[in-house]
Structure formats: structure tokens, C-alpha cells
PDB file of N, CA and C in Angstrom:
ATOM      1  N   MET A   1      79.214  -1.047 -99.380  1.00  0.00           N
ATOM      2  CA  MET A   1      79.744  -1.080 -98.060  1.00  0.00           C
ATOM      3  C   MET A   1      80.464  -2.416 -97.903  1.00  0.00           C
ATOM      4  N   HIS A   2      81.494  -2.451 -97.086  1.00  0.00           N
ATOM      5  CA  HIS A   2      82.190  -3.717 -96.868  1.00  0.00           C
ATOM      6  C   HIS A   2      82.668  -3.801 -95.428  1.00  0.00           C
ATOM      7  N   ASP A   3      82.963  -5.019 -95.014  1.00  0.00           N
ATOM      8  CA  ASP A   3      83.467  -5.269 -93.669  1.00  0.00           C
ATOM      9  C   ASP A   3      84.338  -6.510 -93.751  1.00  0.00           C
ATOM     10  N   GLN A   4      84.907  -6.886 -92.632  1.00  0.00           N
ATOM     11  CA  GLN A   4      85.792  -8.038 -92.609  1.00  0.00           C
ATOM     12  C   GLN A   4      85.394  -8.959 -91.461  1.00  0.00           C
ATOM     13  N   LEU A   5      85.384 -10.257 -91.743  1.00  0.00           N
ATOM     14  CA  LEU A   5      85.094 -11.241 -90.714  1.00  0.00           C
ATOM     15  C   LEU A   5      86.308 -11.428 -89.816  1.00  0.00           C
ATOM     16  N   GLN A   6      86.120 -12.096 -88.705  1.00  0.00           N
ATOM     17  CA  GLN A   6      87.209 -12.316 -87.757  1.00  0.00           C
ATOM     18  C   GLN A   6      88.357 -13.108 -88.383  1.00  0.00           C
ATOM     19  N   ASP A   7      88.048 -13.990 -89.335  1.00  0.00           N
ATOM     20  CA  ASP A   7      89.098 -14.783 -89.981  1.00  0.00           C
ATOM     21  C   ASP A   7      89.788 -14.044 -91.129  1.00  0.00           C
ATOM     22  N   GLY A   8      89.411 -12.781 -91.369  1.00  0.00           N
ATOM     23  CA  GLY A   8      90.080 -11.957 -92.375  1.00  0.00           C
ATOM     24  C   GLY A   8      89.388 -11.880 -93.716  1.00  0.00           C
ATOM     25  N   ARG A   9      88.365 -12.700 -93.946  1.00  0.00           N
ATOM     26  CA  ARG A   9      87.657 -12.645 -95.227  1.00  0.00           C
ATOM     27  C   ARG A   9      86.780 -11.401 -95.291  1.00  0.00           C
ATOM     28  N   SER A  10      86.768 -10.779 -96.468  1.00  0.00           N
ATOM     29  CA  SER A  10      85.952  -9.576 -96.668  1.00  0.00           C
ATOM     30  C   SER A  10      84.535  -9.955 -97.071  1.00  0.00           C
ATOM     31  N   ILE A  11      83.581  -9.177 -96.591  1.00  0.00           N
ATOM     32  CA  ILE A  11      82.191  -9.340 -97.012  1.00  0.00           C
ATOM     33  C   ILE A  11      81.705  -8.016 -97.588  1.00  0.00           C
ATOM     34  N   ARG A  12      80.752  -8.104 -98.478  1.00  0.00           N
ATOM     35  CA  ARG A  12      80.153  -6.932 -99.114  1.00  0.00           C
ATOM     36  C   ARG A  12      78.708  -6.818 -98.661  1.00  0.00           C
ATOM     37  N   LEU A  13      78.267  -5.572 -98.504  1.00  0.00           N
ATOM     38  CA  LEU A  13      76.884  -5.305 -98.123  1.00  0.00           C
ATOM     39  C   LEU A  13      76.285  -4.328 -99.125  1.00  0.00           C
ATOM     40  N   PHE A  14      75.081  -4.640 -99.585  1.00  0.00           N
ATOM     41  CA  PHE A  14      74.339  -3.749-100.473  1.00  0.00           C
ATOM     42  C   PHE A  14      73.064  -3.371 -99.740  1.00  0.00           C
ATOM     43  N   ASN A  15      72.963  -2.109 -99.365  1.00  0.00           N
ATOM     44  CA  ASN A  15      71.820  -1.607 -98.607  1.00  0.00           C
ATOM     45  C   ASN A  15      70.988  -0.682 -99.485  1.00  0.00           C
ATOM     46  N   VAL A  16      69.688  -0.883 -99.488  1.00  0.00           N
ATOM     47  CA  VAL A  16      68.769   0.007-100.196  1.00  0.00           C
ATOM     48  C   VAL A  16      67.920   0.686 -99.132  1.00  0.00           C
ATOM     49  N   ILE A  17      68.048   2.017 -99.065  1.00  0.00           N
ATOM     50  CA  ILE A  17      67.368   2.794 -98.028  1.00  0.00           C
ATOM     51  C   ILE A  17      66.543   3.887 -98.687  1.00  0.00           C
ATOM     52  N   ASP A  18      65.305   4.030 -98.258  1.00  0.00           N
ATOM     53  CA  ASP A  18      64.438   5.107 -98.727  1.00  0.00           C
ATOM     54  C   ASP A  18      64.907   6.402 -98.071  1.00  0.00           C
ATOM     55  N   ASP A  19      65.364   7.364 -98.878  1.00  0.00           N
ATOM     56  CA  ASP A  19      65.873   8.632 -98.335  1.00  0.00           C
ATOM     57  C   ASP A  19      64.800   9.447 -97.627  1.00  0.00           C
ATOM     58  N   PHE A  20      63.546   9.281 -98.016  1.00  0.00           N
ATOM     59  CA  PHE A  20      62.479  10.093 -97.432  1.00  0.00           C
ATOM     60  C   PHE A  20      62.189   9.703 -95.989  1.00  0.00           C
ATOM     61  N   ASN A  21      62.021   8.394 -95.745  1.00  0.00           N
ATOM     62  CA  ASN A  21      61.653   7.964 -94.391  1.00  0.00           C
ATOM     63  C   ASN A  21      62.701   7.070 -93.725  1.00  0.00           C
ATOM     64  N   ARG A  22      63.861   6.898 -94.362  1.00  0.00           N
ATOM     65  CA  ARG A  22      64.997   6.128 -93.837  1.00  0.00           C
ATOM     66  C   ARG A  22      64.662   4.652 -93.609  1.00  0.00           C
ATOM     67  N   GLU A  23      63.685   4.149 -94.326  1.00  0.00           N
ATOM     68  CA  GLU A  23      63.300   2.744 -94.218  1.00  0.00           C
ATOM     69  C   GLU A  23      64.273   1.883 -95.022  1.00  0.00           C
ATOM     70  N   ALA A  24      64.749   0.797 -94.421  1.00  0.00           N
ATOM     71  CA  ALA A  24      65.607  -0.151 -95.129  1.00  0.00           C
ATOM     72  C   ALA A  24      64.723  -1.046 -95.997  1.00  0.00           C
ATOM     73  N   LEU A  25      64.871  -0.923 -97.305  1.00  0.00           N
ATOM     74  CA  LEU A  25      64.045  -1.687 -98.238  1.00  0.00           C
ATOM     75  C   LEU A  25      64.683  -3.009 -98.621  1.00  0.00           C
ATOM     76  N   GLY A  26      66.000  -3.086 -98.539  1.00  0.00           N
ATOM     77  CA  GLY A  26      66.684  -4.323 -98.895  1.00  0.00           C
ATOM     78  C   GLY A  26      68.114  -4.322 -98.408  1.00  0.00           C
ATOM     79  N   ILE A  27      68.588  -5.497 -98.020  1.00  0.00           N
ATOM     80  CA  ILE A  27      69.973  -5.671 -97.590  1.00  0.00           C
ATOM     81  C   ILE A  27      70.470  -6.988 -98.184  1.00  0.00           C
ATOM     82  N   GLU A  28      71.549  -6.925 -98.926  1.00  0.00           N
ATOM     83  CA  GLU A  28      72.191  -8.122 -99.476  1.00  0.00           C
ATOM     84  C   GLU A  28      73.591  -8.211 -98.875  1.00  0.00           C
ATOM     85  N   VAL A  29      73.966  -9.379 -98.383  1.00  0.00           N
ATOM     86  CA  VAL A  29      75.287  -9.594 -97.791  1.00  0.00           C
ATOM     87  C   VAL A  29      75.881 -10.856 -98.401  1.00  0.00           C
ATOM     88  N   ASP A  30      77.128 -10.748 -98.880  1.00  0.00           N
ATOM     89  CA  ASP A  30      77.807 -11.916 -99.435  1.00  0.00           C
ATOM     90  C   ASP A  30      79.287 -11.591 -99.573  1.00  0.00           C
ATOM     91  N   PHE A  31      80.057 -12.583 -99.982  1.00  0.00           N
ATOM     92  CA  PHE A  31      81.480 -12.362-100.197  1.00  0.00           C
ATOM     93  C   PHE A  31      81.725 -11.610-101.497  1.00  0.00           C
ATOM     94  N   SER A  32      80.783 -11.673-102.422  1.00  0.00           N
ATOM     95  CA  SER A  32      80.882 -10.976-103.700  1.00  0.00           C
ATOM     96  C   SER A  32      79.479 -10.540-104.113  1.00  0.00           C
ATOM     97  N   LEU A  33      79.359  -9.326-104.615  1.00  0.00           N
ATOM     98  CA  LEU A  33      78.065  -8.831-105.092  1.00  0.00           C
ATOM     99  C   LEU A  33      78.239  -8.277-106.508  1.00  0.00           C
ATOM    100  N   PRO A  34      78.157  -9.151-107.519  1.00  0.00           N
ATOM    101  CA  PRO A  34      78.283  -8.682-108.897  1.00  0.00           C
ATOM    102  C   PRO A  34      77.097  -7.801-109.296  1.00  0.00           C
ATOM    103  N   ALA A  35      77.288  -7.027-110.344  1.00  0.00           N
ATOM    104  CA  ALA A  35      76.273  -6.071-110.794  1.00  0.00           C
ATOM    105  C   ALA A  35      74.944  -6.756-111.086  1.00  0.00           C
ATOM    106  N   GLU A  36      74.981  -7.953-111.651  1.00  0.00           N
ATOM    107  CA  GLU A  36      73.743  -8.656-111.981  1.00  0.00           C
ATOM    108  C   GLU A  36      72.919  -8.940-110.724  1.00  0.00           C
ATOM    109  N   ARG A  37      73.585  -9.243-109.631  1.00  0.00           N
ATOM    110  CA  ARG A  37      72.864  -9.511-108.375  1.00  0.00           C
ATOM    111  C   ARG A  37      72.268  -8.235-107.800  1.00  0.00           C
ATOM    112  N   VAL A  38      72.998  -7.134-107.928  1.00  0.00           N
ATOM    113  CA  VAL A  38      72.485  -5.840-107.470  1.00  0.00           C
ATOM    114  C   VAL A  38      71.241  -5.466-108.269  1.00  0.00           C
ATOM    115  N   VAL A  39      71.300  -5.657-109.580  1.00  0.00           N
ATOM    116  CA  VAL A  39      70.153  -5.351-110.440  1.00  0.00           C
ATOM    117  C   VAL A  39      68.971  -6.244-110.078  1.00  0.00           C
ATOM    118  N   ARG A  40      69.223  -7.521-109.796  1.00  0.00           N
ATOM    119  CA  ARG A  40      68.148  -8.437-109.392  1.00  0.00           C
ATOM    120  C   ARG A  40      67.498  -7.964-108.091  1.00  0.00           C
ATOM    121  N   SER A  41      68.311  -7.505-107.146  1.00  0.00           N
ATOM    122  CA  SER A  41      67.765  -6.973-105.887  1.00  0.00           C
ATOM    123  C   SER A  41      66.902  -5.748-106.139  1.00  0.00           C
ATOM    124  N   LEU A  42      67.397  -4.849-106.988  1.00  0.00           N
ATOM    125  CA  LEU A  42      66.621  -3.648-107.311  1.00  0.00           C
ATOM    126  C   LEU A  42      65.312  -4.014-108.005  1.00  0.00           C
ATOM    127  N   ASP A  43      65.353  -5.004-108.894  1.00  0.00           N
ATOM    128  CA  ASP A  43      64.123  -5.457-109.562  1.00  0.00           C
ATOM    129  C   ASP A  43      63.100  -5.979-108.555  1.00  0.00           C
ATOM    130  N   GLN A  44      63.558  -6.726-107.554  1.00  0.00           N
ATOM    131  CA  GLN A  44      62.649  -7.246-106.532  1.00  0.00           C
ATOM    132  C   GLN A  44      62.019  -6.113-105.729  1.00  0.00           C
ATOM    133  N   ILE A  45      62.817  -5.109-105.399  1.00  0.00           N
ATOM    134  CA  ILE A  45      62.297  -3.971-104.635  1.00  0.00           C
ATOM    135  C   ILE A  45      61.316  -3.162-105.482  1.00  0.00           C
ATOM    136  N   ILE A  46      61.624  -2.995-106.775  1.00  0.00           N
ATOM    137  CA  ILE A  46      60.721  -2.272-107.677  1.00  0.00           C
ATOM    138  C   ILE A  46      59.398  -3.029-107.811  1.00  0.00           C
ATOM    139  N   ALA A  47      59.457  -4.358-107.901  1.00  0.00           N
ATOM    140  CA  ALA A  47      58.221  -5.150-107.988  1.00  0.00           C
ATOM    141  C   ALA A  47      57.398  -5.024-106.715  1.00  0.00           C
ATOM    142  N   TRP A  48      58.051  -4.895-105.587  1.00  0.00           N
ATOM    143  CA  TRP A  48      57.380  -4.820-104.286  1.00  0.00           C
ATOM    144  C   TRP A  48      56.862  -3.424-103.981  1.00  0.00           C
ATOM    145  N   ARG A  49      57.679  -2.385-104.239  1.00  0.00           N
ATOM    146  CA  ARG A  49      57.356  -1.021-103.825  1.00  0.00           C
ATOM    147  C   ARG A  49      57.023  -0.068-104.965  1.00  0.00           C
ATOM    148  N   GLY A  50      57.271  -0.477-106.191  1.00  0.00           N
ATOM    149  CA  GLY A  50      57.072   0.420-107.319  1.00  0.00           C
ATOM    150  C   GLY A  50      58.381   1.088-107.716  1.00  0.00           C
ATOM    151  N   LYS A  51      58.379   1.670-108.894  1.00  0.00           N
ATOM    152  CA  LYS A  51      59.587   2.259-109.464  1.00  0.00           C
ATOM    153  C   LYS A  51      59.867   3.627-108.853  1.00  0.00           C
ATOM    154  N   PRO A  52      61.092   3.857-108.372  1.00  0.00           N
ATOM    155  CA  PRO A  52      61.433   5.185-107.853  1.00  0.00           C
ATOM    156  C   PRO A  52      61.736   6.140-109.004  1.00  0.00           C
ATOM    157  N   ALA A  53      61.627   7.427-108.754  1.00  0.00           N
ATOM    158  CA  ALA A  53      61.980   8.415-109.776  1.00  0.00           C
ATOM    159  C   ALA A  53      63.489   8.525-109.920  1.00  0.00           C
ATOM    160  N   VAL A  54      64.211   8.359-108.803  1.00  0.00           N
ATOM    161  CA  VAL A  54      65.666   8.546-108.782  1.00  0.00           C
ATOM    162  C   VAL A  54      66.300   7.484-107.887  1.00  0.00           C
ATOM    163  N   ILE A  55      67.469   6.999-108.305  1.00  0.00           N
ATOM    164  CA  ILE A  55      68.291   6.138-107.462  1.00  0.00           C
ATOM    165  C   ILE A  55      69.594   6.884-107.209  1.00  0.00           C
ATOM    166  N   ARG A  56      69.936   7.065-105.934  1.00  0.00           N
ATOM    167  CA  ARG A  56      71.195   7.723-105.571  1.00  0.00           C
ATOM    168  C   ARG A  56      72.156   6.651-105.090  1.00  0.00           C
ATOM    169  N   ALA A  57      73.348   6.624-105.678  1.00  0.00           N
ATOM    170  CA  ALA A  57      74.355   5.625-105.310  1.00  0.00           C
ATOM    171  C   ALA A  57      75.551   6.320-104.682  1.00  0.00           C
ATOM    172  N   ASP A  58      75.973   5.816-103.518  1.00  0.00           N
ATOM    173  CA  ASP A  58      77.151   6.362-102.862  1.00  0.00           C
ATOM    174  C   ASP A  58      78.431   5.800-103.454  1.00  0.00           C
ATOM    175  N   ASN A  59      78.321   4.736-104.204  1.00  0.00           N
ATOM    176  CA  ASN A  59      79.477   4.093-104.789  1.00  0.00           C
ATOM    177  C   ASN A  59      79.237   3.968-106.287  1.00  0.00           C
ATOM    178  N   VAL A  60      80.070   3.218-106.952  1.00  0.00           N
ATOM    179  CA  VAL A  60      79.970   3.078-108.403  1.00  0.00           C
ATOM    180  C   VAL A  60      78.719   2.283-108.754  1.00  0.00           C
ATOM    181  N   LEU A  61      77.876   2.856-109.579  1.00  0.00           N
ATOM    182  CA  LEU A  61      76.700   2.162-110.100  1.00  0.00           C
ATOM    183  C   LEU A  61      77.005   1.819-111.548  1.00  0.00           C
ATOM    184  N   ASN A  62      77.023   0.545-111.863  1.00  0.00           N
ATOM    185  CA  ASN A  62      77.318   0.125-113.218  1.00  0.00           C
ATOM    186  C   ASN A  62      76.108   0.436-114.092  1.00  0.00           C
ATOM    187  N   ALA A  63      76.060   1.666-114.574  1.00  0.00           N
ATOM    188  CA  ALA A  63      74.900   2.149-115.320  1.00  0.00           C
ATOM    189  C   ALA A  63      74.670   1.343-116.586  1.00  0.00           C
ATOM    190  N   ARG A  64      75.732   0.847-117.192  1.00  0.00           N
ATOM    191  CA  ARG A  64      75.586   0.071-118.414  1.00  0.00           C
ATOM    192  C   ARG A  64      74.796  -1.214-118.139  1.00  0.00           C
ATOM    193  N   THR A  65      75.142  -1.943-117.099  1.00  0.00           N
ATOM    194  CA  THR A  65      74.411  -3.162-116.748  1.00  0.00           C
ATOM    195  C   THR A  65      72.986  -2.835-116.352  1.00  0.00           C
ATOM    196  N   PHE A  66      72.817  -1.776-115.566  1.00  0.00           N
ATOM    197  CA  PHE A  66      71.492  -1.398-115.094  1.00  0.00           C
ATOM    198  C   PHE A  66      70.582  -1.012-116.249  1.00  0.00           C
ATOM    199  N   SER A  67      71.078  -0.196-117.177  1.00  0.00           N
ATOM    200  CA  SER A  67      70.210   0.305-118.239  1.00  0.00           C
ATOM    201  C   SER A  67      70.017  -0.694-119.372  1.00  0.00           C
ATOM    202  N   SER A  68      71.048  -1.472-119.717  1.00  0.00           N
ATOM    203  CA  SER A  68      70.898  -2.379-120.851  1.00  0.00           C
ATOM    204  C   SER A  68      69.981  -3.554-120.527  1.00  0.00           C
ATOM    205  N   ASP A  69      70.017  -4.026-119.283  1.00  0.00           N
ATOM    206  CA  ASP A  69      69.181  -5.160-118.908  1.00  0.00           C
ATOM    207  C   ASP A  69      67.761  -4.751-118.551  1.00  0.00           C
ATOM    208  N   ARG A  70      67.554  -3.507-118.196  1.00  0.00           N
ATOM    209  CA  ARG A  70      66.270  -3.085-117.663  1.00  0.00           C
ATOM    210  C   ARG A  70      65.696  -1.896-118.432  1.00  0.00           C
ATOM    211  N   GLN A  71      65.421  -2.097-119.698  1.00  0.00           N
ATOM    212  CA  GLN A  71      64.863  -1.018-120.505  1.00  0.00           C
ATOM    213  C   GLN A  71      63.487  -0.595-120.012  1.00  0.00           C
ATOM    214  N   SER A  72      62.776  -1.489-119.346  1.00  0.00           N
ATOM    215  CA  SER A  72      61.431  -1.154-118.878  1.00  0.00           C
ATOM    216  C   SER A  72      61.453  -0.243-117.657  1.00  0.00           C
ATOM    217  N   HIS A  73      62.583  -0.172-116.955  1.00  0.00           N
ATOM    218  CA  HIS A  73      62.702   0.678-115.770  1.00  0.00           C
ATOM    219  C   HIS A  73      63.476   1.940-116.140  1.00  0.00           C
ATOM    220  N   THR A  74      62.792   3.013-116.423  1.00  0.00           N
ATOM    221  CA  THR A  74      63.451   4.276-116.711  1.00  0.00           C
ATOM    222  C   THR A  74      63.601   5.030-115.401  1.00  0.00           C
ATOM    223  N   VAL A  75      64.810   4.974-114.830  1.00  0.00           N
ATOM    224  CA  VAL A  75      65.102   5.583-113.539  1.00  0.00           C
ATOM    225  C   VAL A  75      66.354   6.423-113.686  1.00  0.00           C
ATOM    226  N   THR A  76      66.348   7.626-113.138  1.00  0.00           N
ATOM    227  CA  THR A  76      67.527   8.480-113.155  1.00  0.00           C
ATOM    228  C   THR A  76      68.492   8.017-112.075  1.00  0.00           C
ATOM    229  N   ALA A  77      69.773   7.839-112.439  1.00  0.00           N
ATOM    230  CA  ALA A  77      70.798   7.434-111.471  1.00  0.00           C
ATOM    231  C   ALA A  77      71.659   8.642-111.124  1.00  0.00           C
ATOM    232  N   ILE A  78      71.819   8.900-109.837  1.00  0.00           N
ATOM    233  CA  ILE A  78      72.647  10.000-109.347  1.00  0.00           C
ATOM    234  C   ILE A  78      73.744   9.397-108.489  1.00  0.00           C
ATOM    235  N   CYS A  79      75.005   9.670-108.816  1.00  0.00           N
ATOM    236  CA  CYS A  79      76.128   9.192-108.003  1.00  0.00           C
ATOM    237  C   CYS A  79      76.610  10.338-107.138  1.00  0.00           C
ATOM    238  N   SER A  80      76.695  10.093-105.830  1.00  0.00           N
ATOM    239  CA  SER A  80      77.144  11.148-104.922  1.00  0.00           C
ATOM    240  C   SER A  80      78.444  10.780-104.256  1.00  0.00           C
TER     241      SER A  80
END
């Protein structure tokens, strides 16, 4: 997700929402959100809540970064 500040700079938002109960598990906001930071956020949520069976991404999920760095997390990725 992205938005724009009043001065014209773009910001990026990474939201992690539990589809079952619509609970917001994590929100990252910055001017840039590289794949490594997204993976770090997911790792923190997995450590806190446990590993999900499936991750659904509304946008591009860099599966190569996700799977190569995190062999211990076997999670199915679904892009919608």
C-alpha cells in the first residue's frame, strides 16, 4: 500500500492482517520497504504469534527472498 505526504513524498505501508478475525498483526511505514525488511517483520510476527499455514499477498511477494532466507519457515504463499 502507498500514500503521499503533503509535500509530495511517497510513503509505503506494509500491513499484516489476520484474515480470520481481521486483527492487525503488524504495520510498517517508511519511505522505502525493501524485501529484507518485510521478511524481518514477518519473522517478528511469526515469533510472536506462531507460523501461519498460508500467507496471502495482495501485491508482489518476493518469494525468492522469503524462501531462501527462511528455510525454517515452510509457509505457502498465495498471490491474489
